[in-house]
C-alpha cells in the first residue's frame, strides 16, 4: 500500500507516495524529535525526497539523517536520571 507524504510547503505542488516500509522508516526518523519539530521535519523530508530522481531505503535514510541534524533532537529523560540525582549517589 502506498501512502502520500505532502511536499507542498513553500509553493511546491508535489506530493510523493511512499510504500509501507518507506513510511515506517520516515516515521521512525521523526520519532526522536520533539513533537513540535515533527511536522516541519516531515515537510522538509517530503520536499527533499521530491527532488530525488530515485527513491529507496538508502535514499530515505540518508535524507532523513541529514535533516535530523537540522532539528533539535533531545532525549526524553525521566526525573530519576537527572545529573543532580547521579551526583547524590556518590
N, C-alpha and C. Protein backbone atom coordinates (compact mmCIF):
# COMPACT_ATOMS: atom_id res chain seq x y z
N UNK A 1 0.84 -1.18 0.00
CA UNK A 1 0.00 0.00 0.00
C UNK A 1 0.89 1.24 0.00
N UNK A 2 0.51 2.23 -0.73
CA UNK A 2 1.25 3.48 -0.79
C UNK A 2 0.52 4.55 0.00
N UNK A 3 1.28 5.39 0.66
CA UNK A 3 0.72 6.48 1.45
C UNK A 3 1.32 7.79 0.97
N UNK A 4 0.53 8.86 0.92
CA UNK A 4 1.06 10.15 0.46
C UNK A 4 1.84 10.86 1.56
N UNK A 5 2.87 11.57 1.18
CA UNK A 5 3.59 12.47 2.07
C UNK A 5 3.58 13.82 1.38
N UNK A 6 3.01 14.81 2.03
CA UNK A 6 2.79 16.12 1.42
C UNK A 6 4.08 16.91 1.33
N UNK A 7 4.43 17.33 0.14
CA UNK A 7 5.63 18.14 -0.09
C UNK A 7 5.24 19.51 -0.62
N UNK A 8 4.06 20.00 -0.27
CA UNK A 8 3.55 21.24 -0.87
C UNK A 8 3.93 22.51 -0.12
N UNK A 9 4.78 22.44 0.88
CA UNK A 9 5.16 23.64 1.60
C UNK A 9 5.98 24.56 0.69
N UNK A 10 5.93 25.85 0.94
CA UNK A 10 6.70 26.86 0.21
C UNK A 10 6.44 26.84 -1.29
N UNK A 11 5.19 26.69 -1.68
CA UNK A 11 4.83 26.82 -3.07
C UNK A 11 4.99 25.59 -3.93
N UNK A 12 5.54 24.53 -3.41
CA UNK A 12 5.68 23.30 -4.20
C UNK A 12 4.34 22.60 -4.30
N UNK A 13 4.02 22.07 -5.46
CA UNK A 13 2.76 21.37 -5.64
C UNK A 13 2.96 19.86 -5.66
N UNK A 14 4.14 19.39 -5.26
CA UNK A 14 4.45 17.97 -5.33
C UNK A 14 3.87 17.20 -4.14
N UNK A 15 3.46 15.98 -4.42
CA UNK A 15 3.07 15.05 -3.37
C UNK A 15 3.76 13.75 -3.73
N UNK A 16 4.44 13.15 -2.76
CA UNK A 16 5.14 11.91 -3.04
C UNK A 16 4.39 10.75 -2.39
N UNK A 17 4.57 9.57 -2.95
CA UNK A 17 3.92 8.38 -2.44
C UNK A 17 4.97 7.45 -1.88
N UNK A 18 4.70 6.90 -0.68
CA UNK A 18 5.64 6.01 -0.01
C UNK A 18 5.01 4.64 0.22
N UNK A 19 5.83 3.62 0.12
CA UNK A 19 5.37 2.28 0.48
C UNK A 19 5.24 2.21 2.00
N UNK A 20 4.65 1.13 2.49
CA UNK A 20 4.52 0.97 3.94
C UNK A 20 5.89 0.98 4.61
N UNK A 21 6.86 0.29 4.01
CA UNK A 21 8.21 0.24 4.59
C UNK A 21 8.86 1.62 4.58
N UNK A 22 8.68 2.36 3.49
CA UNK A 22 9.25 3.71 3.42
C UNK A 22 8.60 4.64 4.44
N UNK A 23 7.27 4.56 4.57
CA UNK A 23 6.56 5.39 5.54
C UNK A 23 7.01 5.04 6.96
N UNK A 24 7.20 3.77 7.23
CA UNK A 24 7.67 3.33 8.54
C UNK A 24 9.05 3.92 8.84
N UNK A 25 9.94 3.92 7.85
CA UNK A 25 11.27 4.49 8.03
C UNK A 25 11.20 6.00 8.29
N UNK A 26 10.32 6.68 7.59
CA UNK A 26 10.13 8.12 7.78
C UNK A 26 9.61 8.42 9.19
N UNK A 27 8.62 7.66 9.62
CA UNK A 27 8.05 7.90 10.95
C UNK A 27 9.06 7.55 12.05
N UNK A 28 9.87 6.54 11.83
CA UNK A 28 10.92 6.20 12.79
C UNK A 28 11.95 7.33 12.89
N UNK A 29 12.24 7.96 11.78
CA UNK A 29 13.19 9.08 11.78
C UNK A 29 12.63 10.29 12.52
N UNK A 30 11.32 10.46 12.48
CA UNK A 30 10.70 11.61 13.16
C UNK A 30 10.50 11.36 14.66
N UNK A 31 10.47 10.11 15.07
CA UNK A 31 10.14 9.77 16.45
C UNK A 31 11.04 10.43 17.50
N UNK A 32 12.37 10.49 17.33
CA UNK A 32 13.18 11.10 18.39
C UNK A 32 13.08 12.62 18.47
N UNK A 33 12.43 13.24 17.51
CA UNK A 33 12.30 14.69 17.52
C UNK A 33 11.22 15.13 18.50
N UNK A 34 11.35 16.37 18.97
CA UNK A 34 10.30 16.93 19.81
C UNK A 34 9.02 17.00 18.99
N UNK A 35 7.85 16.78 19.59
CA UNK A 35 6.59 16.82 18.84
C UNK A 35 6.42 18.09 18.00
N UNK A 36 6.86 19.22 18.51
CA UNK A 36 6.70 20.47 17.76
C UNK A 36 7.63 20.55 16.54
N UNK A 37 8.65 19.70 16.48
CA UNK A 37 9.57 19.68 15.35
C UNK A 37 9.20 18.65 14.29
N UNK A 38 8.28 17.75 14.61
CA UNK A 38 7.98 16.65 13.70
C UNK A 38 7.31 17.11 12.41
N UNK A 39 6.33 18.00 12.48
CA UNK A 39 5.67 18.45 11.25
C UNK A 39 6.65 19.18 10.33
N UNK A 40 7.44 20.14 10.83
CA UNK A 40 8.41 20.79 9.94
C UNK A 40 9.43 19.79 9.38
N UNK A 41 9.84 18.82 10.18
CA UNK A 41 10.77 17.79 9.72
C UNK A 41 10.16 16.98 8.58
N UNK A 42 8.91 16.54 8.76
CA UNK A 42 8.26 15.73 7.73
C UNK A 42 8.05 16.51 6.45
N UNK A 43 7.70 17.79 6.56
CA UNK A 43 7.53 18.62 5.37
C UNK A 43 8.87 18.81 4.64
N UNK A 44 9.94 19.07 5.40
CA UNK A 44 11.26 19.22 4.79
C UNK A 44 11.71 17.92 4.15
N UNK A 45 11.43 16.80 4.80
CA UNK A 45 11.79 15.49 4.25
C UNK A 45 11.04 15.24 2.94
N UNK A 46 9.76 15.56 2.92
CA UNK A 46 8.97 15.38 1.69
C UNK A 46 9.52 16.23 0.55
N UNK A 47 9.90 17.46 0.86
CA UNK A 47 10.46 18.32 -0.18
C UNK A 47 11.77 17.76 -0.72
N UNK A 48 12.63 17.29 0.18
CA UNK A 48 13.91 16.73 -0.25
C UNK A 48 13.71 15.45 -1.07
N UNK A 49 12.80 14.59 -0.62
CA UNK A 49 12.55 13.34 -1.35
C UNK A 49 11.94 13.61 -2.72
N UNK A 50 11.13 14.65 -2.84
CA UNK A 50 10.53 15.00 -4.13
C UNK A 50 11.59 15.41 -5.14
N UNK A 51 12.73 15.90 -4.66
CA UNK A 51 13.82 16.31 -5.55
C UNK A 51 14.68 15.13 -6.01
N UNK A 52 14.60 14.01 -5.31
CA UNK A 52 15.44 12.85 -5.64
C UNK A 52 14.93 12.17 -6.91
N UNK A 53 15.81 11.84 -7.84
CA UNK A 53 15.37 11.17 -9.06
C UNK A 53 14.88 9.75 -8.80
N UNK A 54 15.48 9.08 -7.84
CA UNK A 54 15.03 7.74 -7.45
C UNK A 54 14.92 7.71 -5.93
N UNK A 55 14.02 6.85 -5.46
CA UNK A 55 13.80 6.79 -4.01
C UNK A 55 13.83 5.33 -3.60
N UNK A 56 14.47 5.06 -2.50
CA UNK A 56 14.54 3.73 -1.93
C UNK A 56 14.97 3.84 -0.48
N UNK A 57 15.16 2.72 0.21
CA UNK A 57 15.51 2.77 1.63
C UNK A 57 16.79 3.56 1.92
N UNK A 58 17.80 3.41 1.07
CA UNK A 58 19.05 4.13 1.29
C UNK A 58 18.90 5.63 1.15
N UNK A 59 18.17 6.06 0.15
CA UNK A 59 17.96 7.49 -0.09
C UNK A 59 17.13 8.09 1.05
N UNK A 60 16.08 7.40 1.44
CA UNK A 60 15.24 7.89 2.53
C UNK A 60 16.05 8.00 3.81
N UNK A 61 16.85 7.00 4.11
CA UNK A 61 17.67 7.04 5.32
C UNK A 61 18.66 8.20 5.28
N UNK A 62 19.34 8.38 4.16
CA UNK A 62 20.33 9.46 4.03
C UNK A 62 19.70 10.82 4.20
N UNK A 63 18.59 11.05 3.50
CA UNK A 63 17.91 12.35 3.57
C UNK A 63 17.39 12.60 4.99
N UNK A 64 16.79 11.58 5.61
CA UNK A 64 16.27 11.74 6.97
C UNK A 64 17.39 12.03 7.96
N UNK A 65 18.50 11.30 7.84
CA UNK A 65 19.63 11.50 8.74
C UNK A 65 20.18 12.93 8.62
N UNK A 66 20.32 13.40 7.39
CA UNK A 66 20.84 14.76 7.18
C UNK A 66 19.89 15.81 7.74
N UNK A 67 18.59 15.60 7.58
CA UNK A 67 17.63 16.57 8.09
C UNK A 67 17.52 16.54 9.61
N UNK A 68 17.70 15.37 10.21
CA UNK A 68 17.64 15.29 11.68
C UNK A 68 18.66 16.21 12.31
N UNK A 69 19.79 16.38 11.67
CA UNK A 69 20.84 17.26 12.21
C UNK A 69 20.40 18.71 12.26
N UNK A 70 19.42 19.07 11.43
CA UNK A 70 18.94 20.45 11.40
C UNK A 70 17.86 20.72 12.45
N UNK A 71 17.33 19.67 13.03
CA UNK A 71 16.27 19.80 14.03
C UNK A 71 16.82 19.38 15.38
N UNK A 72 16.34 20.01 16.42
CA UNK A 72 16.84 19.71 17.75
C UNK A 72 16.33 18.36 18.22
N UNK A 73 17.25 17.45 18.46
CA UNK A 73 16.90 16.13 18.97
C UNK A 73 17.28 16.10 20.44
N UNK A 74 16.29 16.01 21.28
CA UNK A 74 16.53 15.99 22.71
C UNK A 74 15.95 14.71 23.30
N UNK A 75 16.80 13.92 23.94
CA UNK A 75 16.26 12.70 24.55
C UNK A 75 15.34 13.06 25.72
N UNK A 76 14.30 12.28 25.86
CA UNK A 76 13.39 12.47 26.98
C UNK A 76 13.94 11.66 28.14
N UNK A 77 14.24 12.34 29.21
CA UNK A 77 14.87 11.70 30.35
C UNK A 77 13.97 11.83 31.57
N UNK A 78 13.62 10.71 32.20
CA UNK A 78 12.79 10.81 33.40
C UNK A 78 13.54 11.51 34.53
N UNK A 79 12.80 12.02 35.48
CA UNK A 79 13.39 12.77 36.59
C UNK A 79 14.42 11.93 37.34
N UNK A 80 14.28 10.63 37.34
CA UNK A 80 15.20 9.77 38.09
C UNK A 80 16.61 9.73 37.51
N UNK A 81 16.80 10.20 36.28
CA UNK A 81 18.15 10.14 35.70
C UNK A 81 18.75 11.52 35.50
N UNK A 82 18.27 12.50 36.19
CA UNK A 82 18.87 13.84 36.11
C UNK A 82 20.28 13.80 36.67
N UNK A 83 21.12 14.68 36.19
CA UNK A 83 22.52 14.69 36.62
C UNK A 83 22.66 14.94 38.11
N UNK A 84 21.76 15.74 38.69
CA UNK A 84 21.85 16.00 40.13
C UNK A 84 21.57 14.75 40.93
N UNK A 85 20.70 13.88 40.45
CA UNK A 85 20.42 12.62 41.14
C UNK A 85 21.65 11.73 41.13
N UNK A 86 22.38 11.70 40.02
CA UNK A 86 23.57 10.87 39.94
C UNK A 86 24.66 11.37 40.86
N UNK A 87 24.75 12.68 41.02
CA UNK A 87 25.76 13.23 41.91
C UNK A 87 25.47 12.88 43.37
N UNK A 88 24.21 12.80 43.74
CA UNK A 88 23.84 12.48 45.11
C UNK A 88 24.18 11.04 45.48
N UNK A 89 24.33 10.17 44.53
CA UNK A 89 24.54 8.75 44.80
C UNK A 89 26.02 8.40 44.97
N UNK A 90 26.91 9.37 44.90
CA UNK A 90 28.36 9.10 45.02
C UNK A 90 28.73 8.69 46.42
